[in-house]
Amino acid sequence: MHFLWSLFTRKPALRQFALLDVQGRCQAFKECHQPPVGEGWVEIEEIRLSWMHHPLPASARVSPRPARSPRHQPLAA
């Protein structure tokens, strides 16, 4: 039955996150479905290795998303 549901539901898109230190410099990147646990993680539009150990540009950040239920969400017809 789970297989049938998977045919008609959207897969959550991978999101990109950057770990910032106290000075706002990028220390790590992560791509996952849910925000990482811990402080310092911010969601970004894309991962650029040139940002590593440098301040993250303000334009790189994603505006906060409203929380949605992880339950099955059917595709629009």
PDB file of N, CA and C in Angstrom:
ATOM      1  N   MET A   1       0.823  -1.195   0.000  1.00  0.00           N
ATOM      2  CA  MET A   1       0.000   0.000   0.000  1.00  0.00           C
ATOM      3  C   MET A   1       0.865   1.256   0.000  1.00  0.00           C
ATOM      4  N   HIS A   2       1.980   1.197   0.730  1.00  0.00           N
ATOM      5  CA  HIS A   2       2.870   2.357   0.769  1.00  0.00           C
ATOM      6  C   HIS A   2       3.376   2.691  -0.627  1.00  0.00           C
ATOM      7  N   PHE A   3       3.642   1.668  -1.421  1.00  0.00           N
ATOM      8  CA  PHE A   3       4.105   1.895  -2.786  1.00  0.00           C
ATOM      9  C   PHE A   3       3.081   2.684  -3.589  1.00  0.00           C
ATOM     10  N   LEU A   4       1.800   2.355  -3.451  1.00  0.00           N
ATOM     11  CA  LEU A   4       0.759   3.084  -4.181  1.00  0.00           C
ATOM     12  C   LEU A   4       0.702   4.544  -3.759  1.00  0.00           C
ATOM     13  N   TRP A   5       0.799   4.806  -2.452  1.00  0.00           N
ATOM     14  CA  TRP A   5       0.814   6.195  -1.978  1.00  0.00           C
ATOM     15  C   TRP A   5       2.006   6.949  -2.550  1.00  0.00           C
ATOM     16  N   SER A   6       3.135   6.278  -2.654  1.00  0.00           N
ATOM     17  CA  SER A   6       4.336   6.959  -3.138  1.00  0.00           C
ATOM     18  C   SER A   6       4.193   7.384  -4.599  1.00  0.00           C
ATOM     19  N   LEU A   7       3.340   6.707  -5.347  1.00  0.00           N
ATOM     20  CA  LEU A   7       3.124   7.090  -6.749  1.00  0.00           C
ATOM     21  C   LEU A   7       2.341   8.398  -6.883  1.00  0.00           C
ATOM     22  N   PHE A   8       1.521   8.716  -5.880  1.00  0.00           N
ATOM     23  CA  PHE A   8       0.632   9.870  -5.976  1.00  0.00           C
ATOM     24  C   PHE A   8       0.984  11.015  -5.038  1.00  0.00           C
ATOM     25  N   THR A   9       2.098  10.924  -4.364  1.00  0.00           N
ATOM     26  CA  THR A   9       2.514  12.006  -3.471  1.00  0.00           C
ATOM     27  C   THR A   9       3.827  12.592  -3.941  1.00  0.00           C
ATOM     28  N   ARG A  10       4.013  13.846  -3.626  1.00  0.00           N
ATOM     29  CA  ARG A  10       5.257  14.518  -3.999  1.00  0.00           C
ATOM     30  C   ARG A  10       6.373  14.113  -3.042  1.00  0.00           C
ATOM     31  N   LYS A  11       7.538  14.002  -3.590  1.00  0.00           N
ATOM     32  CA  LYS A  11       8.713  13.750  -2.770  1.00  0.00           C
ATOM     33  C   LYS A  11       9.210  15.111  -2.263  1.00  0.00           C
ATOM     34  N   PRO A  12       9.535  15.215  -0.993  1.00  0.00           N
ATOM     35  CA  PRO A  12      10.043  16.495  -0.506  1.00  0.00           C
ATOM     36  C   PRO A  12      11.377  16.814  -1.183  1.00  0.00           C
ATOM     37  N   ALA A  13      11.505  18.048  -1.605  1.00  0.00           N
ATOM     38  CA  ALA A  13      12.733  18.474  -2.274  1.00  0.00           C
ATOM     39  C   ALA A  13      13.862  18.604  -1.253  1.00  0.00           C
ATOM     40  N   LEU A  14      15.064  18.339  -1.698  1.00  0.00           N
ATOM     41  CA  LEU A  14      16.215  18.544  -0.825  1.00  0.00           C
ATOM     42  C   LEU A  14      16.442  20.040  -0.664  1.00  0.00           C
ATOM     43  N   ARG A  15      16.777  20.426   0.546  1.00  0.00           N
ATOM     44  CA  ARG A  15      17.041  21.833   0.848  1.00  0.00           C
ATOM     45  C   ARG A  15      18.510  21.968   1.235  1.00  0.00           C
ATOM     46  N   GLN A  16      19.078  23.134   1.002  1.00  0.00           N
ATOM     47  CA  GLN A  16      20.485  23.373   1.300  1.00  0.00           C
ATOM     48  C   GLN A  16      20.595  24.262   2.547  1.00  0.00           C
ATOM     49  N   PHE A  17      21.568  23.922   3.382  1.00  0.00           N
ATOM     50  CA  PHE A  17      21.802  24.650   4.629  1.00  0.00           C
ATOM     51  C   PHE A  17      23.289  24.931   4.780  1.00  0.00           C
ATOM     52  N   ALA A  18      23.592  26.034   5.464  1.00  0.00           N
ATOM     53  CA  ALA A  18      24.972  26.387   5.780  1.00  0.00           C
ATOM     54  C   ALA A  18      25.085  26.551   7.292  1.00  0.00           C
ATOM     55  N   LEU A  19      26.190  26.071   7.853  1.00  0.00           N
ATOM     56  CA  LEU A  19      26.476  26.241   9.273  1.00  0.00           C
ATOM     57  C   LEU A  19      27.368  27.459   9.420  1.00  0.00           C
ATOM     58  N   LEU A  20      26.893  28.445  10.192  1.00  0.00           N
ATOM     59  CA  LEU A  20      27.655  29.674  10.392  1.00  0.00           C
ATOM     60  C   LEU A  20      28.243  29.715  11.791  1.00  0.00           C
ATOM     61  N   ASP A  21      29.462  30.229  11.897  1.00  0.00           N
ATOM     62  CA  ASP A  21      30.065  30.412  13.219  1.00  0.00           C
ATOM     63  C   ASP A  21      29.578  31.732  13.807  1.00  0.00           C
ATOM     64  N   VAL A  22      30.085  32.119  14.975  1.00  0.00           N
ATOM     65  CA  VAL A  22      29.604  33.328  15.648  1.00  0.00           C
ATOM     66  C   VAL A  22      29.937  34.600  14.875  1.00  0.00           C
ATOM     67  N   GLN A  23      30.937  34.555  14.003  1.00  0.00           N
ATOM     68  CA  GLN A  23      31.266  35.710  13.163  1.00  0.00           C
ATOM     69  C   GLN A  23      30.483  35.715  11.843  1.00  0.00           C
ATOM     70  N   GLY A  24      29.643  34.718  11.612  1.00  0.00           N
ATOM     71  CA  GLY A  24      28.850  34.647  10.394  1.00  0.00           C
ATOM     72  C   GLY A  24      29.573  34.012   9.218  1.00  0.00           C
ATOM     73  N   ARG A  25      30.710  33.355   9.486  1.00  0.00           N
ATOM     74  CA  ARG A  25      31.454  32.679   8.419  1.00  0.00           C
ATOM     75  C   ARG A  25      30.933  31.261   8.247  1.00  0.00           C
ATOM     76  N   CYS A  26      30.890  30.823   7.014  1.00  0.00           N
ATOM     77  CA  CYS A  26      30.388  29.485   6.689  1.00  0.00           C
ATOM     78  C   CYS A  26      31.414  28.428   7.091  1.00  0.00           C
ATOM     79  N   GLN A  27      30.955  27.437   7.861  1.00  0.00           N
ATOM     80  CA  GLN A  27      31.828  26.361   8.329  1.00  0.00           C
ATOM     81  C   GLN A  27      31.508  25.006   7.702  1.00  0.00           C
ATOM     82  N   ALA A  28      30.262  24.848   7.223  1.00  0.00           N
ATOM     83  CA  ALA A  28      29.853  23.563   6.642  1.00  0.00           C
ATOM     84  C   ALA A  28      28.596  23.760   5.813  1.00  0.00           C
ATOM     85  N   PHE A  29      28.350  22.792   4.930  1.00  0.00           N
ATOM     86  CA  PHE A  29      27.130  22.760   4.139  1.00  0.00           C
ATOM     87  C   PHE A  29      26.439  21.426   4.376  1.00  0.00           C
ATOM     88  N   LYS A  30      25.121  21.426   4.194  1.00  0.00           N
ATOM     89  CA  LYS A  30      24.361  20.189   4.324  1.00  0.00           C
ATOM     90  C   LYS A  30      23.149  20.285   3.404  1.00  0.00           C
ATOM     91  N   GLU A  31      22.824  19.163   2.757  1.00  0.00           N
ATOM     92  CA  GLU A  31      21.646  19.095   1.903  1.00  0.00           C
ATOM     93  C   GLU A  31      20.757  17.989   2.450  1.00  0.00           C
ATOM     94  N   CYS A  32      19.530  18.358   2.869  1.00  0.00           N
ATOM     95  CA  CYS A  32      18.636  17.385   3.479  1.00  0.00           C
ATOM     96  C   CYS A  32      17.191  17.854   3.341  1.00  0.00           C
ATOM     97  N   HIS A  33      16.257  16.984   3.746  1.00  0.00           N
ATOM     98  CA  HIS A  33      14.836  17.302   3.637  1.00  0.00           C
ATOM     99  C   HIS A  33      14.369  18.211   4.767  1.00  0.00           C
ATOM    100  N   GLN A  34      14.896  18.030   5.962  1.00  0.00           N
ATOM    101  CA  GLN A  34      14.504  18.795   7.143  1.00  0.00           C
ATOM    102  C   GLN A  34      15.682  19.647   7.614  1.00  0.00           C
ATOM    103  N   PRO A  35      15.404  20.749   8.300  1.00  0.00           N
ATOM    104  CA  PRO A  35      16.508  21.552   8.829  1.00  0.00           C
ATOM    105  C   PRO A  35      17.366  20.737   9.790  1.00  0.00           C
ATOM    106  N   PRO A  36      18.686  20.915   9.739  1.00  0.00           N
ATOM    107  CA  PRO A  36      19.573  20.195  10.665  1.00  0.00           C
ATOM    108  C   PRO A  36      19.322  20.601  12.116  1.00  0.00           C
ATOM    109  N   VAL A  37      19.603  19.692  13.021  1.00  0.00           N
ATOM    110  CA  VAL A  37      19.454  19.965  14.446  1.00  0.00           C
ATOM    111  C   VAL A  37      20.682  20.717  14.918  1.00  0.00           C
ATOM    112  N   GLY A  38      20.482  21.700  15.767  1.00  0.00           N
ATOM    113  CA  GLY A  38      21.594  22.460  16.324  1.00  0.00           C
ATOM    114  C   GLY A  38      21.519  23.917  15.918  1.00  0.00           C
ATOM    115  N   GLU A  39      22.312  24.703  16.580  1.00  0.00           N
ATOM    116  CA  GLU A  39      22.311  26.141  16.314  1.00  0.00           C
ATOM    117  C   GLU A  39      23.305  26.497  15.223  1.00  0.00           C
ATOM    118  N   GLY A  40      23.029  27.582  14.530  1.00  0.00           N
ATOM    119  CA  GLY A  40      23.949  28.094  13.526  1.00  0.00           C
ATOM    120  C   GLY A  40      23.601  27.704  12.103  1.00  0.00           C
ATOM    121  N   TRP A  41      22.638  26.814  11.905  1.00  0.00           N
ATOM    122  CA  TRP A  41      22.261  26.405  10.558  1.00  0.00           C
ATOM    123  C   TRP A  41      21.266  27.394   9.978  1.00  0.00           C
ATOM    124  N   VAL A  42      21.501  27.833   8.749  1.00  0.00           N
ATOM    125  CA  VAL A  42      20.579  28.706   8.033  1.00  0.00           C
ATOM    126  C   VAL A  42      20.321  28.098   6.656  1.00  0.00           C
ATOM    127  N   GLU A  43      19.105  28.275   6.162  1.00  0.00           N
ATOM    128  CA  GLU A  43      18.779  27.747   4.840  1.00  0.00           C
ATOM    129  C   GLU A  43      19.279  28.715   3.777  1.00  0.00           C
ATOM    130  N   ILE A  44      19.857  28.151   2.727  1.00  0.00           N
ATOM    131  CA  ILE A  44      20.416  28.964   1.647  1.00  0.00           C
ATOM    132  C   ILE A  44      19.838  28.512   0.305  1.00  0.00           C
ATOM    133  N   GLU A  45      19.951  29.390  -0.691  1.00  0.00           N
ATOM    134  CA  GLU A  45      19.439  29.098  -2.035  1.00  0.00           C
ATOM    135  C   GLU A  45      20.244  28.003  -2.728  1.00  0.00           C
ATOM    136  N   GLU A  46      21.557  28.051  -2.557  1.00  0.00           N
ATOM    137  CA  GLU A  46      22.440  27.091  -3.222  1.00  0.00           C
ATOM    138  C   GLU A  46      23.728  26.959  -2.423  1.00  0.00           C
ATOM    139  N   ILE A  47      24.452  25.903  -2.695  1.00  0.00           N
ATOM    140  CA  ILE A  47      25.740  25.679  -2.041  1.00  0.00           C
ATOM    141  C   ILE A  47      26.843  26.160  -2.977  1.00  0.00           C
ATOM    142  N   ARG A  48      27.682  27.049  -2.475  1.00  0.00           N
ATOM    143  CA  ARG A  48      28.854  27.518  -3.225  1.00  0.00           C
ATOM    144  C   ARG A  48      30.091  27.309  -2.355  1.00  0.00           C
ATOM    145  N   LEU A  49      30.997  26.496  -2.833  1.00  0.00           N
ATOM    146  CA  LEU A  49      32.196  26.207  -2.047  1.00  0.00           C
ATOM    147  C   LEU A  49      33.044  27.442  -1.805  1.00  0.00           C
ATOM    148  N   SER A  50      32.910  28.463  -2.640  1.00  0.00           N
ATOM    149  CA  SER A  50      33.687  29.699  -2.440  1.00  0.00           C
ATOM    150  C   SER A  50      33.268  30.443  -1.175  1.00  0.00           C
ATOM    151  N   TRP A  51      32.117  30.097  -0.591  1.00  0.00           N
ATOM    152  CA  TRP A  51      31.667  30.733   0.653  1.00  0.00           C
ATOM    153  C   TRP A  51      32.332  30.109   1.873  1.00  0.00           C
ATOM    154  N   MET A  52      32.973  28.958   1.727  1.00  0.00           N
ATOM    155  CA  MET A  52      33.558  28.264   2.866  1.00  0.00           C
ATOM    156  C   MET A  52      34.592  29.158   3.556  1.00  0.00           C
ATOM    157  N   HIS A  53      34.452  29.298   4.854  1.00  0.00           N
ATOM    158  CA  HIS A  53      35.332  30.097   5.719  1.00  0.00           C
ATOM    159  C   HIS A  53      35.260  31.589   5.411  1.00  0.00           C
ATOM    160  N   HIS A  54      34.192  32.016   4.727  1.00  0.00           N
ATOM    161  CA  HIS A  54      33.947  33.434   4.442  1.00  0.00           C
ATOM    162  C   HIS A  54      32.548  33.788   4.933  1.00  0.00           C
ATOM    163  N   PRO A  55      32.285  35.081   5.136  1.00  0.00           N
ATOM    164  CA  PRO A  55      30.920  35.477   5.520  1.00  0.00           C
ATOM    165  C   PRO A  55      29.924  35.100   4.427  1.00  0.00           C
ATOM    166  N   LEU A  56      28.777  34.635   4.844  1.00  0.00           N
ATOM    167  CA  LEU A  56      27.724  34.245   3.911  1.00  0.00           C
ATOM    168  C   LEU A  56      27.044  35.508   3.387  1.00  0.00           C
ATOM    169  N   PRO A  57      26.918  35.677   2.075  1.00  0.00           N
ATOM    170  CA  PRO A  57      26.213  36.857   1.547  1.00  0.00           C
ATOM    171  C   PRO A  57      24.753  36.849   2.005  1.00  0.00           C
ATOM    172  N   ALA A  58      24.221  38.027   2.312  1.00  0.00           N
ATOM    173  CA  ALA A  58      22.832  38.118   2.773  1.00  0.00           C
ATOM    174  C   ALA A  58      21.865  37.610   1.708  1.00  0.00           C
ATOM    175  N   SER A  59      22.211  37.780   0.443  1.00  0.00           N
ATOM    176  CA  SER A  59      21.327  37.344  -0.644  1.00  0.00           C
ATOM    177  C   SER A  59      21.253  35.822  -0.767  1.00  0.00           C
ATOM    178  N   ALA A  60      22.144  35.103  -0.095  1.00  0.00           N
ATOM    179  CA  ALA A  60      22.163  33.643  -0.186  1.00  0.00           C
ATOM    180  C   ALA A  60      21.087  32.994   0.674  1.00  0.00           C
ATOM    181  N   ARG A  61      20.624  33.704   1.687  1.00  0.00           N
ATOM    182  CA  ARG A  61      19.654  33.121   2.621  1.00  0.00           C
ATOM    183  C   ARG A  61      18.263  33.012   2.007  1.00  0.00           C
ATOM    184  N   VAL A  62      17.553  31.975   2.424  1.00  0.00           N
ATOM    185  CA  VAL A  62      16.165  31.750   2.022  1.00  0.00           C
ATOM    186  C   VAL A  62      15.274  32.334   3.107  1.00  0.00           C
ATOM    187  N   SER A  63      14.174  32.975   2.714  1.00  0.00           N
ATOM    188  CA  SER A  63      13.245  33.477   3.722  1.00  0.00           C
ATOM    189  C   SER A  63      12.588  32.294   4.420  1.00  0.00           C
ATOM    190  N   PRO A  64      12.236  32.425   5.698  1.00  0.00           N
ATOM    191  CA  PRO A  64      11.673  31.299   6.456  1.00  0.00           C
ATOM    192  C   PRO A  64      10.421  30.747   5.787  1.00  0.00           C
ATOM    193  N   ARG A  65      10.297  29.418   5.796  1.00  0.00           N
ATOM    194  CA  ARG A  65       9.140  28.740   5.217  1.00  0.00           C
ATOM    195  C   ARG A  65       8.114  28.457   6.300  1.00  0.00           C
ATOM    196  N   PRO A  66       6.829  28.524   5.958  1.00  0.00           N
ATOM    197  CA  PRO A  66       5.825  28.106   6.944  1.00  0.00           C
ATOM    198  C   PRO A  66       5.900  26.599   7.142  1.00  0.00           C
ATOM    199  N   ALA A  67       5.673  26.166   8.358  1.00  0.00           N
ATOM    200  CA  ALA A  67       5.739  24.735   8.665  1.00  0.00           C
ATOM    201  C   ALA A  67       4.536  24.038   8.037  1.00  0.00           C
ATOM    202  N   ARG A  68       4.808  22.894   7.389  1.00  0.00           N
ATOM    203  CA  ARG A  68       3.735  22.104   6.795  1.00  0.00           C
ATOM    204  C   ARG A  68       3.761  20.712   7.384  1.00  0.00           C
ATOM    205  N   SER A  69       2.616  20.085   7.349  1.00  0.00           N
ATOM    206  CA  SER A  69       2.509  18.733   7.863  1.00  0.00           C
ATOM    207  C   SER A  69       3.278  17.780   6.957  1.00  0.00           C
ATOM    208  N   PRO A  70       4.025  16.842   7.518  1.00  0.00           N
ATOM    209  CA  PRO A  70       4.751  15.881   6.701  1.00  0.00           C
ATOM    210  C   PRO A  70       3.843  14.763   6.172  1.00  0.00           C
ATOM    211  N   ARG A  71       2.560  14.855   6.454  1.00  0.00           N
ATOM    212  CA  ARG A  71       1.620  13.835   5.993  1.00  0.00           C
ATOM    213  C   ARG A  71       1.555  13.832   4.478  1.00  0.00           C
ATOM    214  N   HIS A  72       0.912  12.853   3.925  1.00  0.00           N
ATOM    215  CA  HIS A  72       0.772  12.733   2.483  1.00  0.00           C
ATOM    216  C   HIS A  72       0.075  13.957   1.906  1.00  0.00           C
ATOM    217  N   GLN A  73       0.663  14.517   0.868  1.00  0.00           N
ATOM    218  CA  GLN A  73       0.058  15.636   0.174  1.00  0.00           C
ATOM    219  C   GLN A  73      -0.172  15.220  -1.272  1.00  0.00           C
ATOM    220  N   PRO A  74      -1.420  15.094  -1.687  1.00  0.00           N
ATOM    221  CA  PRO A  74      -1.696  14.631  -3.042  1.00  0.00           C
ATOM    222  C   PRO A  74      -1.264  15.651  -4.093  1.00  0.00           C
ATOM    223  N   LEU A  75      -0.979  15.146  -5.260  1.00  0.00           N
ATOM    224  CA  LEU A  75      -0.632  16.023  -6.376  1.00  0.00           C
ATOM    225  C   LEU A  75      -1.857  16.778  -6.848  1.00  0.00           C
ATOM    226  N   ALA A  76      -1.644  17.988  -7.356  1.00  0.00           N
ATOM    227  CA  ALA A  76      -2.753  18.764  -7.910  1.00  0.00           C
ATOM    228  C   ALA A  76      -3.171  18.155  -9.240  1.00  0.00           C
ATOM    229  N   ALA A  77      -4.438  18.182  -9.496  1.00  0.00           N
ATOM    230  CA  ALA A  77      -4.942  17.600 -10.753  1.00  0.00           C
ATOM    231  C   ALA A  77      -4.825  18.565 -11.908  1.00  0.00           C
TER     232      ALA A  77
END
